[in-house]
């Protein structure tokens, strides 16, 4: 699988739709626990809407809601804020089940910062 592919998002408007929170996962017993990386650092998740911009910087076309895992604790960023991702990357994933295959992209970034535009 392709992992940690750098992504250039200069041609997109990114707007927070759900404020960053600690990322949670289920352990083997089914309990909710805080997600960490391999070194034990807490991970965070933010939901945002990405919409393409035209040559004049105006939002155009359809957008997409994405969830991005953040590798560092984000500053407080309220819903509706325009943001920029620091070191954004995507990884392809695939699950093969007896009744078919599912696949997609997971998003990750080192951090997030507000944009004043």
PDB file of N, CA and C in Angstrom:
ATOM      1  N   UNK A   1       0.835  -1.193   0.000  1.00  0.00           N
ATOM      2  CA  UNK A   1       0.000   0.000   0.000  1.00  0.00           C
ATOM      3  C   UNK A   1       0.876   1.252   0.000  1.00  0.00           C
ATOM      4  N   UNK A   2       0.372   2.255  -0.624  1.00  0.00           N
ATOM      5  CA  UNK A   2       1.069   3.536  -0.633  1.00  0.00           C
ATOM      6  C   UNK A   2       0.779   4.266   0.676  1.00  0.00           C
ATOM      7  N   UNK A   3       1.832   4.749   1.332  1.00  0.00           N
ATOM      8  CA  UNK A   3       1.689   5.386   2.638  1.00  0.00           C
ATOM      9  C   UNK A   3       2.362   6.749   2.667  1.00  0.00           C
ATOM     10  N   UNK A   4       1.759   7.670   3.407  1.00  0.00           N
ATOM     11  CA  UNK A   4       2.324   8.993   3.671  1.00  0.00           C
ATOM     12  C   UNK A   4       2.748   9.738   2.404  1.00  0.00           C
ATOM     13  N   UNK A   5       1.851   9.796   1.433  1.00  0.00           N
ATOM     14  CA  UNK A   5       2.088  10.522   0.190  1.00  0.00           C
ATOM     15  C   UNK A   5       1.834  12.003   0.451  1.00  0.00           C
ATOM     16  N   UNK A   6       2.829  12.878   0.236  1.00  0.00           N
ATOM     17  CA  UNK A   6       2.609  14.316   0.461  1.00  0.00           C
ATOM     18  C   UNK A   6       1.503  14.854  -0.448  1.00  0.00           C
ATOM     19  N   UNK A   7       0.716  15.790   0.081  1.00  0.00           N
ATOM     20  CA  UNK A   7      -0.409  16.361  -0.647  1.00  0.00           C
ATOM     21  C   UNK A   7      -0.263  17.878  -0.671  1.00  0.00           C
ATOM     22  N   UNK A   8      -0.434  18.476  -1.843  1.00  0.00           N
ATOM     23  CA  UNK A   8      -0.405  19.924  -1.989  1.00  0.00           C
ATOM     24  C   UNK A   8      -1.845  20.428  -2.034  1.00  0.00           C
ATOM     25  N   UNK A   9      -2.243  21.222  -1.036  1.00  0.00           N
ATOM     26  CA  UNK A   9      -3.627  21.697  -0.922  1.00  0.00           C
ATOM     27  C   UNK A   9      -3.744  23.198  -1.165  1.00  0.00           C
ATOM     28  N   UNK A  10      -2.765  23.795  -1.848  1.00  0.00           N
ATOM     29  CA  UNK A  10      -2.794  25.238  -2.095  1.00  0.00           C
ATOM     30  C   UNK A  10      -4.034  25.686  -2.855  1.00  0.00           C
ATOM     31  N   UNK A  11      -4.600  24.846  -3.699  1.00  0.00           N
ATOM     32  CA  UNK A  11      -5.762  25.222  -4.502  1.00  0.00           C
ATOM     33  C   UNK A  11      -7.080  24.895  -3.846  1.00  0.00           C
ATOM     34  N   UNK A  12      -7.072  24.749  -2.503  1.00  0.00           N
ATOM     35  CA  UNK A  12      -8.294  24.381  -1.789  1.00  0.00           C
ATOM     36  C   UNK A  12      -8.542  25.294  -0.592  1.00  0.00           C
ATOM     37  N   UNK A  13      -9.818  25.530  -0.331  1.00  0.00           N
ATOM     38  CA  UNK A  13     -10.251  26.226   0.874  1.00  0.00           C
ATOM     39  C   UNK A  13     -10.585  25.139   1.882  1.00  0.00           C
ATOM     40  N   UNK A  14      -9.945  25.181   3.043  1.00  0.00           N
ATOM     41  CA  UNK A  14     -10.205  24.215   4.110  1.00  0.00           C
ATOM     42  C   UNK A  14     -10.913  24.919   5.253  1.00  0.00           C
ATOM     43  N   UNK A  15     -12.070  24.401   5.640  1.00  0.00           N
ATOM     44  CA  UNK A  15     -12.860  25.015   6.709  1.00  0.00           C
ATOM     45  C   UNK A  15     -13.239  23.939   7.721  1.00  0.00           C
ATOM     46  N   UNK A  16     -12.993  24.210   8.995  1.00  0.00           N
ATOM     47  CA  UNK A  16     -13.287  23.265  10.063  1.00  0.00           C
ATOM     48  C   UNK A  16     -14.801  23.115  10.213  1.00  0.00           C
ATOM     49  N   UNK A  17     -15.270  21.855  10.198  1.00  0.00           N
ATOM     50  CA  UNK A  17     -16.693  21.587  10.430  1.00  0.00           C
ATOM     51  C   UNK A  17     -16.928  20.964  11.797  1.00  0.00           C
ATOM     52  N   UNK A  18     -15.898  20.356  12.386  1.00  0.00           N
ATOM     53  CA  UNK A  18     -15.943  19.865  13.765  1.00  0.00           C
ATOM     54  C   UNK A  18     -14.594  20.160  14.401  1.00  0.00           C
ATOM     55  N   UNK A  19     -14.599  20.826  15.543  1.00  0.00           N
ATOM     56  CA  UNK A  19     -13.362  21.221  16.223  1.00  0.00           C
ATOM     57  C   UNK A  19     -12.476  20.007  16.513  1.00  0.00           C
ATOM     58  N   UNK A  20     -11.156  20.206  16.549  1.00  0.00           N
ATOM     59  CA  UNK A  20     -10.253  19.091  16.860  1.00  0.00           C
ATOM     60  C   UNK A  20     -10.536  18.488  18.232  1.00  0.00           C
ATOM     61  N   UNK A  21     -10.467  17.157  18.291  1.00  0.00           N
ATOM     62  CA  UNK A  21     -10.638  16.412  19.535  1.00  0.00           C
ATOM     63  C   UNK A  21      -9.610  15.291  19.583  1.00  0.00           C
ATOM     64  N   UNK A  22      -9.455  14.695  20.769  1.00  0.00           N
ATOM     65  CA  UNK A  22      -8.583  13.530  20.870  1.00  0.00           C
ATOM     66  C   UNK A  22      -9.180  12.400  20.042  1.00  0.00           C
ATOM     67  N   UNK A  23      -8.339  11.687  19.334  1.00  0.00           N
ATOM     68  CA  UNK A  23      -8.786  10.558  18.533  1.00  0.00           C
ATOM     69  C   UNK A  23      -9.003   9.363  19.459  1.00  0.00           C
ATOM     70  N   UNK A  24     -10.106   8.676  19.275  1.00  0.00           N
ATOM     71  CA  UNK A  24     -10.441   7.520  20.110  1.00  0.00           C
ATOM     72  C   UNK A  24     -10.517   6.271  19.233  1.00  0.00           C
ATOM     73  N   UNK A  25     -10.264   5.126  19.865  1.00  0.00           N
ATOM     74  CA  UNK A  25     -10.392   3.833  19.193  1.00  0.00           C
ATOM     75  C   UNK A  25     -10.897   2.829  20.216  1.00  0.00           C
ATOM     76  N   UNK A  26     -11.282   1.647  19.741  1.00  0.00           N
ATOM     77  CA  UNK A  26     -11.718   0.592  20.653  1.00  0.00           C
ATOM     78  C   UNK A  26     -10.579  -0.388  20.869  1.00  0.00           C
ATOM     79  N   UNK A  27     -10.366  -0.777  22.134  1.00  0.00           N
ATOM     80  CA  UNK A  27      -9.357  -1.800  22.419  1.00  0.00           C
ATOM     81  C   UNK A  27      -9.974  -3.185  22.210  1.00  0.00           C
ATOM     82  N   UNK A  28      -9.211  -4.228  22.495  1.00  0.00           N
ATOM     83  CA  UNK A  28      -9.662  -5.597  22.277  1.00  0.00           C
ATOM     84  C   UNK A  28     -10.915  -5.943  23.076  1.00  0.00           C
ATOM     85  N   UNK A  29     -11.083  -5.312  24.238  1.00  0.00           N
ATOM     86  CA  UNK A  29     -12.249  -5.564  25.086  1.00  0.00           C
ATOM     87  C   UNK A  29     -13.462  -4.727  24.683  1.00  0.00           C
ATOM     88  N   UNK A  30     -13.296  -3.859  23.671  1.00  0.00           N
ATOM     89  CA  UNK A  30     -14.405  -3.017  23.229  1.00  0.00           C
ATOM     90  C   UNK A  30     -14.513  -1.697  23.964  1.00  0.00           C
ATOM     91  N   UNK A  31     -13.527  -1.363  24.792  1.00  0.00           N
ATOM     92  CA  UNK A  31     -13.527  -0.095  25.523  1.00  0.00           C
ATOM     93  C   UNK A  31     -12.954   1.025  24.665  1.00  0.00           C
ATOM     94  N   UNK A  32     -13.497   2.229  24.827  1.00  0.00           N
ATOM     95  CA  UNK A  32     -12.970   3.400  24.140  1.00  0.00           C
ATOM     96  C   UNK A  32     -11.681   3.854  24.815  1.00  0.00           C
ATOM     97  N   UNK A  33     -10.602   3.972  24.048  1.00  0.00           N
ATOM     98  CA  UNK A  33      -9.323   4.436  24.576  1.00  0.00           C
ATOM     99  C   UNK A  33      -8.761   5.501  23.643  1.00  0.00           C
ATOM    100  N   UNK A  34      -7.880   6.346  24.165  1.00  0.00           N
ATOM    101  CA  UNK A  34      -7.251   7.396  23.372  1.00  0.00           C
ATOM    102  C   UNK A  34      -6.278   6.751  22.378  1.00  0.00           C
ATOM    103  N   UNK A  35      -6.348   7.152  21.116  1.00  0.00           N
ATOM    104  CA  UNK A  35      -5.448   6.635  20.084  1.00  0.00           C
ATOM    105  C   UNK A  35      -4.089   7.304  20.211  1.00  0.00           C
ATOM    106  N   UNK A  36      -3.047   6.500  20.084  1.00  0.00           N
ATOM    107  CA  UNK A  36      -1.680   7.012  20.143  1.00  0.00           C
ATOM    108  C   UNK A  36      -0.886   6.481  18.960  1.00  0.00           C
ATOM    109  N   UNK A  37       0.252   7.133  18.684  1.00  0.00           N
ATOM    110  CA  UNK A  37       1.140   6.621  17.645  1.00  0.00           C
ATOM    111  C   UNK A  37       2.038   5.541  18.258  1.00  0.00           C
ATOM    112  N   UNK A  38       2.989   5.031  17.480  1.00  0.00           N
ATOM    113  CA  UNK A  38       3.849   3.946  17.965  1.00  0.00           C
ATOM    114  C   UNK A  38       4.764   4.371  19.111  1.00  0.00           C
ATOM    115  N   UNK A  39       4.995   5.684  19.262  1.00  0.00           N
ATOM    116  CA  UNK A  39       5.815   6.183  20.361  1.00  0.00           C
ATOM    117  C   UNK A  39       4.975   6.545  21.589  1.00  0.00           C
ATOM    118  N   UNK A  40       3.658   6.390  21.499  1.00  0.00           N
ATOM    119  CA  UNK A  40       2.783   6.673  22.629  1.00  0.00           C
ATOM    120  C   UNK A  40       2.227   8.085  22.678  1.00  0.00           C
ATOM    121  N   UNK A  41       2.496   8.897  21.654  1.00  0.00           N
ATOM    122  CA  UNK A  41       1.979  10.275  21.628  1.00  0.00           C
ATOM    123  C   UNK A  41       0.499  10.274  21.241  1.00  0.00           C
ATOM    124  N   UNK A  42      -0.284  11.079  21.953  1.00  0.00           N
ATOM    125  CA  UNK A  42      -1.715  11.197  21.678  1.00  0.00           C
ATOM    126  C   UNK A  42      -1.952  11.759  20.283  1.00  0.00           C
ATOM    127  N   UNK A  43      -2.938  11.194  19.589  1.00  0.00           N
ATOM    128  CA  UNK A  43      -3.335  11.698  18.284  1.00  0.00           C
ATOM    129  C   UNK A  43      -4.666  12.429  18.421  1.00  0.00           C
ATOM    130  N   UNK A  44      -4.899  13.341  17.497  1.00  0.00           N
ATOM    131  CA  UNK A  44      -6.107  14.156  17.486  1.00  0.00           C
ATOM    132  C   UNK A  44      -6.758  14.012  16.115  1.00  0.00           C
ATOM    133  N   UNK A  45      -8.018  14.388  16.021  1.00  0.00           N
ATOM    134  CA  UNK A  45      -8.719  14.330  14.746  1.00  0.00           C
ATOM    135  C   UNK A  45      -9.530  15.604  14.570  1.00  0.00           C
ATOM    136  N   UNK A  46      -9.555  16.094  13.331  1.00  0.00           N
ATOM    137  CA  UNK A  46     -10.349  17.270  12.993  1.00  0.00           C
ATOM    138  C   UNK A  46     -11.127  16.942  11.711  1.00  0.00           C
ATOM    139  N   UNK A  47     -12.371  17.398  11.665  1.00  0.00           N
ATOM    140  CA  UNK A  47     -13.184  17.219  10.469  1.00  0.00           C
ATOM    141  C   UNK A  47     -13.265  18.560   9.767  1.00  0.00           C
ATOM    142  N   UNK A  48     -13.035  18.543   8.456  1.00  0.00           N
ATOM    143  CA  UNK A  48     -13.058  19.789   7.686  1.00  0.00           C
ATOM    144  C   UNK A  48     -13.671  19.557   6.327  1.00  0.00           C
ATOM    145  N   UNK A  49     -14.040  20.653   5.705  1.00  0.00           N
ATOM    146  CA  UNK A  49     -14.585  20.626   4.358  1.00  0.00           C
ATOM    147  C   UNK A  49     -13.535  21.227   3.432  1.00  0.00           C
ATOM    148  N   UNK A  50     -13.168  20.486   2.386  1.00  0.00           N
ATOM    149  CA  UNK A  50     -12.187  20.943   1.403  1.00  0.00           C
ATOM    150  C   UNK A  50     -12.918  21.266   0.112  1.00  0.00           C
ATOM    151  N   UNK A  51     -12.753  22.507  -0.347  1.00  0.00           N
ATOM    152  CA  UNK A  51     -13.447  22.949  -1.554  1.00  0.00           C
ATOM    153  C   UNK A  51     -12.431  23.572  -2.501  1.00  0.00           C
ATOM    154  N   UNK A  52     -12.435  23.181  -3.791  1.00  0.00           N
ATOM    155  CA  UNK A  52     -11.470  23.749  -4.734  1.00  0.00           C
ATOM    156  C   UNK A  52     -11.694  25.249  -4.955  1.00  0.00           C
ATOM    157  N   UNK A  53     -10.593  25.961  -5.232  1.00  0.00           N
ATOM    158  CA  UNK A  53     -10.642  27.394  -5.519  1.00  0.00           C
ATOM    159  C   UNK A  53     -10.345  27.633  -6.999  1.00  0.00           C
ATOM    160  N   UNK A  54     -10.947  28.692  -7.564  1.00  0.00           N
ATOM    161  CA  UNK A  54     -10.622  29.050  -8.940  1.00  0.00           C
ATOM    162  C   UNK A  54      -9.380  29.943  -8.958  1.00  0.00           C
ATOM    163  N   UNK A  55      -8.997  30.429 -10.135  1.00  0.00           N
ATOM    164  CA  UNK A  55      -7.783  31.240 -10.273  1.00  0.00           C
ATOM    165  C   UNK A  55      -7.866  32.579  -9.534  1.00  0.00           C
ATOM    166  N   UNK A  56      -9.073  33.010  -9.151  1.00  0.00           N
ATOM    167  CA  UNK A  56      -9.259  34.250  -8.396  1.00  0.00           C
ATOM    168  C   UNK A  56      -9.373  34.007  -6.893  1.00  0.00           C
ATOM    169  N   UNK A  57      -9.209  32.756  -6.477  1.00  0.00           N
ATOM    170  CA  UNK A  57      -9.288  32.438  -5.055  1.00  0.00           C
ATOM    171  C   UNK A  57     -10.699  32.265  -4.530  1.00  0.00           C
ATOM    172  N   UNK A  58     -11.672  32.157  -5.421  1.00  0.00           N
ATOM    173  CA  UNK A  58     -13.068  31.956  -5.021  1.00  0.00           C
ATOM    174  C   UNK A  58     -13.393  30.468  -5.025  1.00  0.00           C
ATOM    175  N   UNK A  59     -14.166  30.016  -4.016  1.00  0.00           N
ATOM    176  CA  UNK A  59     -14.565  28.613  -3.948  1.00  0.00           C
ATOM    177  C   UNK A  59     -15.456  28.287  -5.148  1.00  0.00           C
ATOM    178  N   UNK A  60     -15.187  27.130  -5.741  1.00  0.00           N
ATOM    179  CA  UNK A  60     -15.973  26.713  -6.896  1.00  0.00           C
ATOM    180  C   UNK A  60     -16.164  25.200  -6.856  1.00  0.00           C
ATOM    181  N   UNK A  61     -17.148  24.710  -7.544  1.00  0.00           N
ATOM    182  CA  UNK A  61     -17.358  23.271  -7.641  1.00  0.00           C
ATOM    183  C   UNK A  61     -17.773  22.637  -6.327  1.00  0.00           C
ATOM    184  N   UNK A  62     -17.799  21.319  -6.364  1.00  0.00           N
ATOM    185  CA  UNK A  62     -18.190  20.559  -5.187  1.00  0.00           C
ATOM    186  C   UNK A  62     -16.978  20.321  -4.299  1.00  0.00           C
ATOM    187  N   UNK A  63     -17.238  20.179  -3.031  1.00  0.00           N
ATOM    188  CA  UNK A  63     -16.182  19.908  -2.070  1.00  0.00           C
ATOM    189  C   UNK A  63     -16.350  18.530  -1.457  1.00  0.00           C
ATOM    190  N   UNK A  64     -15.535  18.265  -0.466  1.00  0.00           N
ATOM    191  CA  UNK A  64     -15.538  16.956   0.196  1.00  0.00           C
ATOM    192  C   UNK A  64     -15.244  17.144   1.671  1.00  0.00           C
ATOM    193  N   UNK A  65     -15.987  16.456   2.524  1.00  0.00           N
ATOM    194  CA  UNK A  65     -15.680  16.470   3.947  1.00  0.00           C
ATOM    195  C   UNK A  65     -14.628  15.404   4.222  1.00  0.00           C
ATOM    196  N   UNK A  66     -13.565  15.782   4.941  1.00  0.00           N
ATOM    197  CA  UNK A  66     -12.500  14.838   5.259  1.00  0.00           C
ATOM    198  C   UNK A  66     -12.199  14.893   6.753  1.00  0.00           C
ATOM    199  N   UNK A  67     -11.762  13.767   7.292  1.00  0.00           N
ATOM    200  CA  UNK A  67     -11.291  13.702   8.677  1.00  0.00           C
ATOM    201  C   UNK A  67      -9.789  13.528   8.609  1.00  0.00           C
ATOM    202  N   UNK A  68      -9.076  14.356   9.354  1.00  0.00           N
ATOM    203  CA  UNK A  68      -7.616  14.360   9.319  1.00  0.00           C
ATOM    204  C   UNK A  68      -7.088  14.035  10.712  1.00  0.00           C
ATOM    205  N   UNK A  69      -6.194  13.050  10.789  1.00  0.00           N
ATOM    206  CA  UNK A  69      -5.513  12.734  12.040  1.00  0.00           C
ATOM    207  C   UNK A  69      -4.352  13.702  12.200  1.00  0.00           C
ATOM    208  N   UNK A  70      -4.275  14.343  13.365  1.00  0.00           N
ATOM    209  CA  UNK A  70      -3.206  15.292  13.664  1.00  0.00           C
ATOM    210  C   UNK A  70      -2.212  14.643  14.618  1.00  0.00           C
ATOM    211  N   UNK A  71      -0.921  14.823  14.336  1.00  0.00           N
ATOM    212  CA  UNK A  71       0.123  14.197  15.134  1.00  0.00           C
ATOM    213  C   UNK A  71       0.561  15.037  16.329  1.00  0.00           C
ATOM    214  N   UNK A  72       0.075  16.255  16.426  1.00  0.00           N
ATOM    215  CA  UNK A  72       0.428  17.116  17.558  1.00  0.00           C
ATOM    216  C   UNK A  72      -0.842  17.771  18.093  1.00  0.00           C
ATOM    217  N   UNK A  73      -0.796  18.172  19.364  1.00  0.00           N
ATOM    218  CA  UNK A  73      -1.965  18.788  19.978  1.00  0.00           C
ATOM    219  C   UNK A  73      -2.253  20.129  19.306  1.00  0.00           C
ATOM    220  N   UNK A  74      -3.454  20.294  18.759  1.00  0.00           N
ATOM    221  CA  UNK A  74      -3.784  21.540  18.067  1.00  0.00           C
ATOM    222  C   UNK A  74      -4.164  22.647  19.034  1.00  0.00           C
ATOM    223  N   UNK A  75      -3.959  23.886  18.583  1.00  0.00           N
ATOM    224  CA  UNK A  75      -4.476  25.010  19.351  1.00  0.00           C
ATOM    225  C   UNK A  75      -5.991  24.996  19.195  1.00  0.00           C
ATOM    226  N   UNK A  76      -6.667  25.800  19.983  1.00  0.00           N
ATOM    227  CA  UNK A  76      -8.125  25.856  19.896  1.00  0.00           C
ATOM    228  C   UNK A  76      -8.516  26.499  18.564  1.00  0.00           C
ATOM    229  N   UNK A  77      -9.230  25.752  17.762  1.00  0.00           N
ATOM    230  CA  UNK A  77      -9.681  26.240  16.455  1.00  0.00           C
ATOM    231  C   UNK A  77     -11.179  26.009  16.376  1.00  0.00           C
ATOM    232  N   UNK A  78     -11.974  27.093  16.414  1.00  0.00           N
ATOM    233  CA  UNK A  78     -13.425  26.930  16.429  1.00  0.00           C
ATOM    234  C   UNK A  78     -13.999  26.466  15.088  1.00  0.00           C
ATOM    235  N   UNK A  79     -15.151  25.850  15.169  1.00  0.00           N
ATOM    236  CA  UNK A  79     -15.888  25.432  13.982  1.00  0.00           C
ATOM    237  C   UNK A  79     -16.096  26.641  13.063  1.00  0.00           C
ATOM    238  N   UNK A  80     -15.950  26.435  11.768  1.00  0.00           N
ATOM    239  CA  UNK A  80     -16.125  27.507  10.791  1.00  0.00           C
ATOM    240  C   UNK A  80     -14.832  28.221  10.426  1.00  0.00           C
ATOM    241  N   UNK A  81     -13.746  27.934  11.141  1.00  0.00           N
ATOM    242  CA  UNK A  81     -12.459  28.596  10.872  1.00  0.00           C
ATOM    243  C   UNK A  81     -11.830  28.079   9.577  1.00  0.00           C
ATOM    244  N   UNK A  82     -11.217  29.011   8.834  1.00  0.00           N
ATOM    245  CA  UNK A  82     -10.378  28.628   7.692  1.00  0.00           C
ATOM    246  C   UNK A  82      -9.035  28.184   8.243  1.00  0.00           C
ATOM    247  N   UNK A  83      -8.506  27.084   7.720  1.00  0.00           N
ATOM    248  CA  UNK A  83      -7.257  26.536   8.243  1.00  0.00           C
ATOM    249  C   UNK A  83      -6.338  26.064   7.115  1.00  0.00           C
ATOM    250  N   UNK A  84      -5.128  25.763   7.538  1.00  0.00           N
ATOM    251  CA  UNK A  84      -4.116  25.183   6.664  1.00  0.00           C
ATOM    252  C   UNK A  84      -3.522  23.990   7.408  1.00  0.00           C
ATOM    253  N   UNK A  85      -3.280  22.892   6.696  1.00  0.00           N
ATOM    254  CA  UNK A  85      -2.657  21.729   7.301  1.00  0.00           C
ATOM    255  C   UNK A  85      -1.144  21.825   7.169  1.00  0.00           C
ATOM    256  N   UNK A  86      -0.439  21.423   8.210  1.00  0.00           N
ATOM    257  CA  UNK A  86       1.015  21.391   8.209  1.00  0.00           C
ATOM    258  C   UNK A  86       1.442  19.971   7.835  1.00  0.00           C
ATOM    259  N   UNK A  87       2.212  19.847   6.749  1.00  0.00           N
ATOM    260  CA  UNK A  87       2.716  18.556   6.284  1.00  0.00           C
ATOM    261  C   UNK A  87       1.587  17.546   6.033  1.00  0.00           C
ATOM    262  N   UNK A  88       0.590  17.882   5.175  1.00  0.00           N
ATOM    263  CA  UNK A  88      -0.515  16.942   4.921  1.00  0.00           C
ATOM    264  C   UNK A  88      -0.060  15.757   4.064  1.00  0.00           C
ATOM    265  N   UNK A  89      -0.620  14.578   4.399  1.00  0.00           N
ATOM    266  CA  UNK A  89      -0.295  13.357   3.681  1.00  0.00           C
ATOM    267  C   UNK A  89      -1.537  12.472   3.592  1.00  0.00           C
ATOM    268  N   UNK A  90      -1.550  11.582   2.614  1.00  0.00           N
ATOM    269  CA  UNK A  90      -2.605  10.577   2.504  1.00  0.00           C
ATOM    270  C   UNK A  90      -1.967   9.197   2.422  1.00  0.00           C
ATOM    271  N   UNK A  91      -2.715   8.212   2.877  1.00  0.00           N
ATOM    272  CA  UNK A  91      -2.306   6.814   2.769  1.00  0.00           C
ATOM    273  C   UNK A  91      -3.485   6.016   2.239  1.00  0.00           C
ATOM    274  N   UNK A  92      -3.206   5.099   1.347  1.00  0.00           N
ATOM    275  CA  UNK A  92      -4.246   4.218   0.817  1.00  0.00           C
ATOM    276  C   UNK A  92      -4.432   3.047   1.769  1.00  0.00           C
ATOM    277  N   UNK A  93      -5.677   2.633   1.989  1.00  0.00           N
ATOM    278  CA  UNK A  93      -5.956   1.455   2.808  1.00  0.00           C
ATOM    279  C   UNK A  93      -6.934   0.557   2.070  1.00  0.00           C
ATOM    280  N   UNK A  94      -6.914  -0.711   2.426  1.00  0.00           N
ATOM    281  CA  UNK A  94      -7.804  -1.685   1.801  1.00  0.00           C
ATOM    282  C   UNK A  94      -8.101  -2.809   2.773  1.00  0.00           C
ATOM    283  N   UNK A  95      -9.360  -3.215   2.847  1.00  0.00           N
ATOM    284  CA  UNK A  95      -9.788  -4.346   3.673  1.00  0.00           C
ATOM    285  C   UNK A  95     -10.460  -5.362   2.768  1.00  0.00           C
ATOM    286  N   UNK A  96     -10.001  -6.582   2.834  1.00  0.00           N
ATOM    287  CA  UNK A  96     -10.599  -7.665   2.053  1.00  0.00           C
ATOM    288  C   UNK A  96     -11.449  -8.529   2.968  1.00  0.00           C
ATOM    289  N   UNK A  97     -12.722  -8.627   2.656  1.00  0.00           N
ATOM    290  CA  UNK A  97     -13.650  -9.445   3.421  1.00  0.00           C
ATOM    291  C   UNK A  97     -14.192 -10.531   2.505  1.00  0.00           C
ATOM    292  N   UNK A  98     -14.833 -11.523   3.083  1.00  0.00           N
ATOM    293  CA  UNK A  98     -15.407 -12.599   2.293  1.00  0.00           C
ATOM    294  C   UNK A  98     -16.446 -12.117   1.297  1.00  0.00           C
ATOM    295  N   UNK A  99     -17.111 -10.993   1.619  1.00  0.00           N
ATOM    296  CA  UNK A  99     -18.167 -10.482   0.741  1.00  0.00           C
ATOM    297  C   UNK A  99     -17.715  -9.283  -0.104  1.00  0.00           C
ATOM    298  N   UNK A 100     -16.426  -9.022  -0.162  1.00  0.00           N
ATOM    299  CA  UNK A 100     -15.956  -7.926  -1.007  1.00  0.00           C
ATOM    300  C   UNK A 100     -14.789  -7.172  -0.402  1.00  0.00           C
ATOM    301  N   UNK A 101     -14.353  -6.167  -1.123  1.00  0.00           N
ATOM    302  CA  UNK A 101     -13.208  -5.361  -0.732  1.00  0.00           C
ATOM    303  C   UNK A 101     -13.652  -3.918  -0.560  1.00  0.00           C
ATOM    304  N   UNK A 102     -13.173  -3.272   0.503  1.00  0.00           N
ATOM    305  CA  UNK A 102     -13.380  -1.836   0.676  1.00  0.00           C
ATOM    306  C   UNK A 102     -12.013  -1.174   0.710  1.00  0.00           C
ATOM    307  N   UNK A 103     -11.954   0.058   0.229  1.00  0.00           N
ATOM    308  CA  UNK A 103     -10.684   0.782   0.237  1.00  0.00           C
ATOM    309  C   UNK A 103     -10.959   2.274   0.280  1.00  0.00           C
ATOM    310  N   UNK A 104      -9.916   3.030   0.564  1.00  0.00           N
ATOM    311  CA  UNK A 104     -10.062   4.481   0.617  1.00  0.00           C
ATOM    312  C   UNK A 104      -8.745   5.141   0.953  1.00  0.00           C
ATOM    313  N   UNK A 105      -8.835   6.413   1.318  1.00  0.00           N
ATOM    314  CA  UNK A 105      -7.668   7.196   1.709  1.00  0.00           C
ATOM    315  C   UNK A 105      -7.829   7.646   3.150  1.00  0.00           C
ATOM    316  N   UNK A 106      -6.756   7.592   3.903  1.00  0.00           N
ATOM    317  CA  UNK A 106      -6.761   8.189   5.236  1.00  0.00           C
ATOM    318  C   UNK A 106      -5.848   9.411   5.184  1.00  0.00           C
ATOM    319  N   UNK A 107      -6.269  10.464   5.884  1.00  0.00           N
ATOM    320  CA  UNK A 107      -5.554  11.738   5.886  1.00  0.00           C
ATOM    321  C   UNK A 107      -4.807  11.906   7.200  1.00  0.00           C
ATOM    322  N   UNK A 108      -3.602  12.475   7.138  1.00  0.00           N
ATOM    323  CA  UNK A 108      -2.804  12.738   8.322  1.00  0.00           C
ATOM    324  C   UNK A 108      -2.031  14.036   8.102  1.00  0.00           C
ATOM    325  N   UNK A 109      -1.767  14.767   9.176  1.00  0.00           N
ATOM    326  CA  UNK A 109      -0.965  15.990   9.110  1.00  0.00           C
ATOM    327  C   UNK A 109      -0.200  16.146  10.414  1.00  0.00           C
ATOM    328  N   UNK A 110       0.921  16.828  10.339  1.00  0.00           N
ATOM    329  CA  UNK A 110       1.704  17.104  11.541  1.00  0.00           C
ATOM    330  C   UNK A 110       0.926  18.033  12.464  1.00  0.00           C
ATOM    331  N   UNK A 111       0.225  19.018  11.882  1.00  0.00           N
ATOM    332  CA  UNK A 111      -0.544  19.977  12.672  1.00  0.00           C
ATOM    333  C   UNK A 111      -1.522  20.743  11.809  1.00  0.00           C
ATOM    334  N   UNK A 112      -2.132  21.741  12.431  1.00  0.00           N
ATOM    335  CA  UNK A 112      -3.128  22.585  11.772  1.00  0.00           C
ATOM    336  C   UNK A 112      -2.948  24.003  12.281  1.00  0.00           C
ATOM    337  N   UNK A 113      -3.149  24.994  11.389  1.00  0.00           N
ATOM    338  CA  UNK A 113      -3.058  26.382  11.830  1.00  0.00           C
ATOM    339  C   UNK A 113      -4.114  27.221  11.122  1.00  0.00           C
ATOM    340  N   UNK A 114      -4.581  28.280  11.804  1.00  0.00           N
ATOM    341  CA  UNK A 114      -5.604  29.147  11.206  1.00  0.00           C
ATOM    342  C   UNK A 114      -5.042  29.948  10.046  1.00  0.00           C
ATOM    343  N   UNK A 115      -5.924  30.278   9.107  1.00  0.00           N
ATOM    344  CA  UNK A 115      -5.562  31.111   7.964  1.00  0.00           C
ATOM    345  C   UNK A 115      -6.366  32.397   8.057  1.00  0.00           C
ATOM    346  N   UNK A 116      -5.706  33.528   7.924  1.00  0.00           N
ATOM    347  CA  UNK A 116      -6.401  34.819   7.961  1.00  0.00           C
ATOM    348  C   UNK A 116      -6.587  35.316   6.541  1.00  0.00           C
ATOM    349  N   UNK A 117      -7.738  34.991   5.959  1.00  0.00           N
ATOM    350  CA  UNK A 117      -8.063  35.438   4.594  1.00  0.00           C
ATOM    351  C   UNK A 117      -9.450  35.958   4.538  1.00  0.00           C
TER     352      UNK A 117
END
